[in-house]
Protein backbone atom coordinates (compact mmCIF):
# COMPACT_ATOMS: atom_id res chain seq x y z
CA MET A 1 0.00 0.00 0.00
CA ASN A 2 2.65 2.51 -1.10
CA ASN A 3 2.35 5.72 -3.07
CA GLU A 4 5.67 6.17 -4.81
CA THR A 5 6.95 9.70 -5.13
CA LYS A 6 7.60 11.10 -8.59
CA SER A 7 11.29 11.54 -9.28
CA GLY A 8 12.58 15.08 -9.07
CA ASN A 9 9.65 16.17 -6.95
CA ASN A 10 10.37 18.50 -4.05
CA ARG A 11 7.39 17.49 -1.95
CA ILE A 12 7.94 16.48 1.65
CA LYS A 13 8.19 12.68 1.77
CA LEU A 14 6.15 11.33 4.63
CA PHE A 15 6.14 7.74 5.92
CA LEU A 16 2.96 6.78 7.80
CA VAL A 17 3.28 3.59 9.85
CA ASP A 18 0.26 2.11 11.61
CA ASP A 19 -1.24 -1.37 11.87
CA ASP A 20 -4.77 0.07 12.08
CA ALA A 21 -5.68 0.09 8.37
CA LEU A 22 -8.65 2.42 8.83
CA PHE A 23 -6.70 4.98 10.84
CA LEU A 24 -3.75 4.73 8.43
CA LYS A 25 -6.00 5.36 5.41
CA SER A 26 -7.78 8.28 7.09
CA LEU A 27 -4.43 9.84 8.01
CA GLU A 28 -3.17 9.38 4.45
CA ILE A 29 -6.34 10.97 3.02
CA GLU A 30 -6.07 13.93 5.42
CA PHE A 31 -2.47 14.60 4.43
CA LEU A 32 -3.16 14.20 0.70
CA HIS A 33 -6.25 16.41 0.91
CA ASN A 34 -4.71 19.20 2.97
CA ALA A 35 -1.14 19.45 1.66
CA ASP A 36 1.17 18.36 -1.13
CA PHE A 37 3.04 15.45 0.44
CA ALA A 38 4.59 12.37 -1.13
CA ILE A 39 3.27 9.61 1.13
CA GLU A 40 4.23 6.00 1.65
CA THR A 41 2.18 3.90 4.07
CA PHE A 42 3.26 0.79 5.95
CA ALA A 43 1.33 -1.59 8.19
CA THR A 44 4.44 -2.82 10.05
CA GLY A 45 7.65 -1.41 11.41
CA GLU A 46 9.60 -4.01 9.45
CA LEU A 47 8.21 -2.68 6.14
CA CYS A 48 9.04 0.87 7.16
CA VAL A 49 12.64 -0.06 8.02
CA GLU A 50 13.01 -2.05 4.77
CA ASN A 51 12.05 1.10 2.83
CA LEU A 52 14.25 3.66 4.61
CA SER A 53 16.33 3.83 1.42
CA HIS A 54 13.43 5.89 -0.01
CA ASN A 55 14.72 8.69 2.26
CA PRO A 56 11.63 9.95 4.07
CA ASP A 57 11.75 13.50 5.40
CA ILE A 58 9.65 12.53 8.41
CA ILE A 59 8.09 9.35 9.83
CA ILE A 60 4.84 9.19 11.77
CA LEU A 61 4.95 5.94 13.71
CA ASP A 62 2.33 4.11 15.77
CA TYR A 63 3.39 3.14 19.29
CA TYR A 64 2.03 -0.44 19.36
CA LEU A 65 2.04 -1.99 15.86
CA ASP A 66 0.93 -5.41 17.09
CA SER A 67 -2.56 -6.11 15.74
CA ILE A 68 -1.45 -7.79 12.49
CA ASP A 69 1.42 -9.89 13.83
CA LYS A 70 1.99 -10.32 17.57
CA ASN A 71 5.67 -11.05 16.86
CA ALA A 72 6.20 -7.90 14.80
CA MET A 73 8.40 -5.07 16.06
CA ASN A 74 6.46 -2.62 18.19
CA GLY A 75 6.73 1.13 17.66
CA MET A 76 9.56 1.58 20.16
CA GLU A 77 11.64 -1.19 18.58
CA THR A 78 10.95 0.32 15.16
CA LEU A 79 11.94 3.78 16.43
CA ASP A 80 15.21 2.40 17.81
CA LYS A 81 15.95 0.63 14.51
CA ILE A 82 15.19 3.77 12.45
CA LYS A 83 17.44 5.88 14.70
CA SER A 84 20.28 3.32 14.48
CA ILE A 85 20.15 3.48 10.66
CA HIS A 86 19.19 7.15 10.08
CA PRO A 87 19.51 9.17 13.32
CA ASP A 88 18.58 12.43 11.57
CA ILE A 89 15.12 11.41 10.34
CA PRO A 90 12.50 13.06 12.58
CA VAL A 91 10.07 10.46 13.98
CA VAL A 92 6.77 11.44 15.59
CA MET A 93 5.13 8.75 17.71
CA LEU A 94 1.37 8.30 17.59
CA SER A 95 -0.64 6.43 20.20
CA SER A 96 -4.03 6.14 21.80
CA GLN A 97 -2.11 6.11 25.12
CA ASP A 98 -2.64 9.44 26.87
CA LYS A 99 0.02 8.77 29.51
CA ILE A 100 2.92 11.07 30.26
CA ASP A 101 5.31 8.19 31.02
CA VAL A 102 4.71 6.72 27.55
CA ALA A 103 5.44 10.11 25.95
CA ILE A 104 8.59 10.55 28.05
CA ASN A 105 9.79 7.06 27.13
CA CYS A 106 9.37 7.93 23.44
CA MET A 107 11.47 11.07 23.91
CA HIS A 108 14.19 9.03 25.65
CA HIS A 109 14.28 6.87 22.52
CA LYS A 110 14.83 10.01 20.40
CA ALA A 111 11.33 10.55 19.05
CA LEU A 112 10.85 14.16 18.02
CA ASP A 113 7.35 14.35 19.49
CA TYR A 114 4.42 12.31 20.77
CA VAL A 115 0.84 12.78 19.57
CA VAL A 116 -2.22 11.16 21.10
CA LYS A 117 -4.68 9.73 18.57
CA SER A 118 -7.66 12.03 18.94
CA GLU A 119 -9.80 14.44 16.92
CA THR A 120 -6.93 16.98 17.06
CA ALA A 121 -4.13 14.55 16.10
CA PHE A 122 -4.02 15.56 12.45
CA MET A 123 -3.83 19.27 13.28
CA ARG A 124 -1.00 18.62 15.76
CA LEU A 125 0.89 16.55 13.19
CA ARG A 126 0.54 19.28 10.55
CA LYS A 127 1.91 21.85 13.01
CA ILE A 128 4.85 19.63 13.99
CA ILE A 129 5.74 19.06 10.33
CA ALA A 130 5.46 22.79 9.55
CA ASP A 131 7.73 23.56 12.51
CA ILE A 132 10.32 21.01 11.39
CA PHE A 133 10.55 22.46 7.91
CA SER A 134 10.53 26.07 9.11
CA TYR A 135 13.49 25.19 11.33
CA LYS A 136 15.30 23.39 8.48
CA LYS A 137 14.77 26.39 6.20
CA ILE A 138 16.21 28.77 8.81
CA GLU A 139 19.13 26.39 9.41
CA LYS A 140 19.84 26.24 5.66
CA GLU A 141 19.68 30.04 5.29
CA LEU A 142 21.96 30.52 8.28
CA SER A 143 24.46 28.05 6.85
CA TRP A 144 24.39 29.86 3.49
CA TYR A 145 24.96 33.19 5.24
CA MET A 146 27.84 31.85 7.37
CA GLU A 147 29.60 30.44 4.29
CA ARG A 148 29.66 33.90 2.75
CA MET A 149 31.12 35.68 5.76
């Protein structure tokens, strides 16, 4: 269930990883409807990791990932694997768990942020993504300026 990005396209490449097919599809539709993203979707952490060579700009990753295969990597294991391969890819964890200790644990594992699955989840995700790319733009401009000094 992947949407390949067109070559040479400058759209933000987003990986969506969730074992809840309905939630995954609704998230994909929201992102496609409200912004110009190149999106690839994965039902397991293993599939996400196998496709890291597609160079996502950001990954939105479910915390549990265990409804399809009980032996599959959970979200934390997937996060650790992503960070061991590509430490610079921002990963936002998604979960129905509204517990501070779960969020803190995600941050200890180098997640960029933690979003609770709710009616405001999509808006929070959009804001996080906008913030990431605003920061990267400023960083790039600063680097350009410093090179010319």
